[in-house]
Structures are given as C-alpha cells and as structure tokens.
Amino acid sequence: MRKAPHVITFRLDPIHFAMLTELVPKGSSVGAYTRELVLRALHQEKAGAHVATRLEALLLNQRELRSQLDEIVRRLTETPPPTPSRPVSHPLEKLILG
C-alpha cells in the first residue's frame, strides 16, 4: 500500500492573497504558484546553508594561512642578515618550513 503524501496547509490574509493573484502566471492557480514559491525558498535556504559552510571553511583556511605567513615573517625578521664574515648557514626552505 502506498503512503499518502504529506499535506501542509496554511491560510493567507486577504492582502497577501491579492498580491499572489497578481503574480500568478497565466494558466496556473494561486495554490500551485504558492507551493512553488515555498519550495523555491526552502531550496534557497538549503543552498544558503551550504554556501555558509563553505565560506566558514574558506575563512578558517585563510586564518591559518595568515598565521603561517606571520610566522614566516617573524622568523625572517628575527634572523640577522648575512654578512661577508657570516655566510648564510641554512637554506631558505629550512627557514620557511621550520
């Protein structure tokens, strides 16, 4: 036996109903158009949550990269510059990578 679909109903005040009747495309009903609007809004909310999650991950990566860059700059500035009597004793990769 097949389950009946979930039915969700709500009432609109006359002002919103009148507004929707002006927006409904020809050949469609107010109810069908309203259902479509609700489903679009739910989809956009889900998509927005996905974008927010991705943005949070990108910001976290950005903070980590900035922290690493700050550490590299700190190491470069605390190391005295090489002089002819004191040549560079470590490669730049070792200085950057630790």
C-alpha atoms as a PDB file:
ATOM      1  CA  MET A   1       0.000   0.000   0.000  1.00  0.00           C
ATOM      2  CA  ARG A   2       1.282   3.433  -0.933  1.00  0.00           C
ATOM      3  CA  LYS A   3       1.592   6.159   1.674  1.00  0.00           C
ATOM      4  CA  ALA A   4      -0.294   9.370   1.157  1.00  0.00           C
ATOM      5  CA  PRO A   5       1.880  12.449   0.586  1.00  0.00           C
ATOM      6  CA  HIS A   6       2.380  14.849   3.439  1.00  0.00           C
ATOM      7  CA  VAL A   7      -0.062  17.693   3.136  1.00  0.00           C
ATOM      8  CA  ILE A   8       0.800  21.088   4.512  1.00  0.00           C
ATOM      9  CA  THR A   9      -1.805  23.798   4.515  1.00  0.00           C
ATOM     10  CA  PHE A  10      -1.807  27.396   5.611  1.00  0.00           C
ATOM     11  CA  ARG A  11      -4.074  30.388   5.275  1.00  0.00           C
ATOM     12  CA  LEU A  12      -3.135  33.702   3.732  1.00  0.00           C
ATOM     13  CA  ASP A  13      -4.559  37.000   4.779  1.00  0.00           C
ATOM     14  CA  PRO A  14      -6.520  38.811   2.060  1.00  0.00           C
ATOM     15  CA  ILE A  15      -3.694  41.269   1.325  1.00  0.00           C
ATOM     16  CA  HIS A  16      -1.162  38.509   0.607  1.00  0.00           C
ATOM     17  CA  PHE A  17      -3.707  36.511  -1.391  1.00  0.00           C
ATOM     18  CA  ALA A  18      -4.433  39.544  -3.575  1.00  0.00           C
ATOM     19  CA  MET A  19      -0.713  40.113  -4.045  1.00  0.00           C
ATOM     20  CA  LEU A  20      -0.223  36.493  -5.116  1.00  0.00           C
ATOM     21  CA  THR A  21      -3.128  36.574  -7.562  1.00  0.00           C
ATOM     22  CA  GLU A  22      -1.375  39.435  -9.380  1.00  0.00           C
ATOM     23  CA  LEU A  23       1.882  37.462  -9.601  1.00  0.00           C
ATOM     24  CA  VAL A  24       0.461  34.100 -10.719  1.00  0.00           C
ATOM     25  CA  PRO A  25       1.453  33.217 -14.284  1.00  0.00           C
ATOM     26  CA  LYS A  26      -1.426  32.649 -16.690  1.00  0.00           C
ATOM     27  CA  GLY A  27      -2.716  29.108 -16.644  1.00  0.00           C
ATOM     28  CA  SER A  28      -1.628  28.458 -13.072  1.00  0.00           C
ATOM     29  CA  SER A  29      -3.517  28.550  -9.798  1.00  0.00           C
ATOM     30  CA  VAL A  30      -2.681  30.615  -6.735  1.00  0.00           C
ATOM     31  CA  GLY A  31      -2.187  27.414  -4.726  1.00  0.00           C
ATOM     32  CA  ALA A  32       0.240  25.870  -7.231  1.00  0.00           C
ATOM     33  CA  TYR A  33       2.182  29.121  -7.506  1.00  0.00           C
ATOM     34  CA  THR A  34       2.355  29.463  -3.719  1.00  0.00           C
ATOM     35  CA  ARG A  35       3.626  25.890  -3.349  1.00  0.00           C
ATOM     36  CA  GLU A  36       6.292  26.617  -5.954  1.00  0.00           C
ATOM     37  CA  LEU A  37       7.372  29.766  -4.080  1.00  0.00           C
ATOM     38  CA  VAL A  38       7.609  27.880  -0.786  1.00  0.00           C
ATOM     39  CA  LEU A  39       9.640  25.063  -2.348  1.00  0.00           C
ATOM     40  CA  ARG A  40      11.992  27.562  -4.014  1.00  0.00           C
ATOM     41  CA  ALA A  41      12.505  29.363  -0.702  1.00  0.00           C
ATOM     42  CA  LEU A  42      13.282  26.078   1.060  1.00  0.00           C
ATOM     43  CA  HIS A  43      15.770  25.146  -1.658  1.00  0.00           C
ATOM     44  CA  GLN A  44      17.450  28.552  -1.429  1.00  0.00           C
ATOM     45  CA  GLU A  45      17.700  28.208   2.344  1.00  0.00           C
ATOM     46  CA  LYS A  46      19.396  24.807   1.942  1.00  0.00           C
ATOM     47  CA  ALA A  47      21.731  26.195  -0.724  1.00  0.00           C
ATOM     48  CA  GLY A  48      22.489  29.184   1.508  1.00  0.00           C
ATOM     49  CA  ALA A  49      23.422  26.879   4.379  1.00  0.00           C
ATOM     50  CA  HIS A  50      25.794  25.007   2.059  1.00  0.00           C
ATOM     51  CA  VAL A  51      27.401  28.264   0.941  1.00  0.00           C
ATOM     52  CA  ALA A  52      27.748  29.396   4.571  1.00  0.00           C
ATOM     53  CA  THR A  53      29.501  26.130   5.462  1.00  0.00           C
ATOM     54  CA  ARG A  54      31.909  26.507   2.528  1.00  0.00           C
ATOM     55  CA  LEU A  55      32.586  30.142   3.415  1.00  0.00           C
ATOM     56  CA  GLU A  56      33.350  29.185   7.015  1.00  0.00           C
ATOM     57  CA  ALA A  57      35.870  26.590   5.800  1.00  0.00           C
ATOM     58  CA  LEU A  58      37.496  29.129   3.470  1.00  0.00           C
ATOM     59  CA  LEU A  59      37.768  31.695   6.263  1.00  0.00           C
ATOM     60  CA  LEU A  60      39.344  29.096   8.528  1.00  0.00           C
ATOM     61  CA  ASN A  61      41.914  28.266   5.828  1.00  0.00           C
ATOM     62  CA  GLN A  62      42.573  31.962   5.311  1.00  0.00           C
ATOM     63  CA  ARG A  63      43.210  32.488   9.044  1.00  0.00           C
ATOM     64  CA  GLU A  64      45.579  29.510   9.082  1.00  0.00           C
ATOM     65  CA  LEU A  65      47.495  30.781   6.042  1.00  0.00           C
ATOM     66  CA  ARG A  66      47.790  34.250   7.573  1.00  0.00           C
ATOM     67  CA  SER A  67      49.090  32.714  10.778  1.00  0.00           C
ATOM     68  CA  GLN A  68      51.691  30.723   8.849  1.00  0.00           C
ATOM     69  CA  LEU A  69      52.688  33.824   6.887  1.00  0.00           C
ATOM     70  CA  ASP A  70      53.059  35.791  10.127  1.00  0.00           C
ATOM     71  CA  GLU A  71      55.316  33.039  11.473  1.00  0.00           C
ATOM     72  CA  ILE A  72      57.465  33.115   8.332  1.00  0.00           C
ATOM     73  CA  VAL A  73      57.785  36.905   8.519  1.00  0.00           C
ATOM     74  CA  ARG A  74      58.656  36.670  12.214  1.00  0.00           C
ATOM     75  CA  ARG A  75      61.382  34.104  11.511  1.00  0.00           C
ATOM     76  CA  LEU A  76      62.781  36.132   8.637  1.00  0.00           C
ATOM     77  CA  THR A  77      62.918  39.331  10.666  1.00  0.00           C
ATOM     78  CA  GLU A  78      64.463  37.768  13.768  1.00  0.00           C
ATOM     79  CA  THR A  79      67.317  36.188  11.799  1.00  0.00           C
ATOM     80  CA  PRO A  80      70.170  38.667  11.379  1.00  0.00           C
ATOM     81  CA  PRO A  81      71.046  39.381   7.771  1.00  0.00           C
ATOM     82  CA  PRO A  82      74.066  37.532   6.366  1.00  0.00           C
ATOM     83  CA  THR A  83      77.365  39.387   6.260  1.00  0.00           C
ATOM     84  CA  PRO A  84      80.554  38.517   4.389  1.00  0.00           C
ATOM     85  CA  SER A  85      82.064  37.232   7.638  1.00  0.00           C
ATOM     86  CA  ARG A  86      78.905  35.227   8.479  1.00  0.00           C
ATOM     87  CA  PRO A  87      77.516  33.455   5.386  1.00  0.00           C
ATOM     88  CA  VAL A  88      74.029  32.029   5.308  1.00  0.00           C
ATOM     89  CA  SER A  89      74.150  28.717   7.170  1.00  0.00           C
ATOM     90  CA  HIS A  90      70.684  27.429   6.333  1.00  0.00           C
ATOM     91  CA  PRO A  91      68.660  27.216   3.144  1.00  0.00           C
ATOM     92  CA  LEU A  92      65.541  29.341   2.809  1.00  0.00           C
ATOM     93  CA  GLU A  93      63.362  26.206   2.688  1.00  0.00           C
ATOM     94  CA  LYS A  94      64.543  25.207   6.167  1.00  0.00           C
ATOM     95  CA  LEU A  95      63.811  28.697   7.436  1.00  0.00           C
ATOM     96  CA  ILE A  96      60.301  28.729   5.951  1.00  0.00           C
ATOM     97  CA  LEU A  97      59.335  25.135   6.670  1.00  0.00           C
ATOM     98  CA  GLY A  98      60.876  25.029  10.121  1.00  0.00           C
END
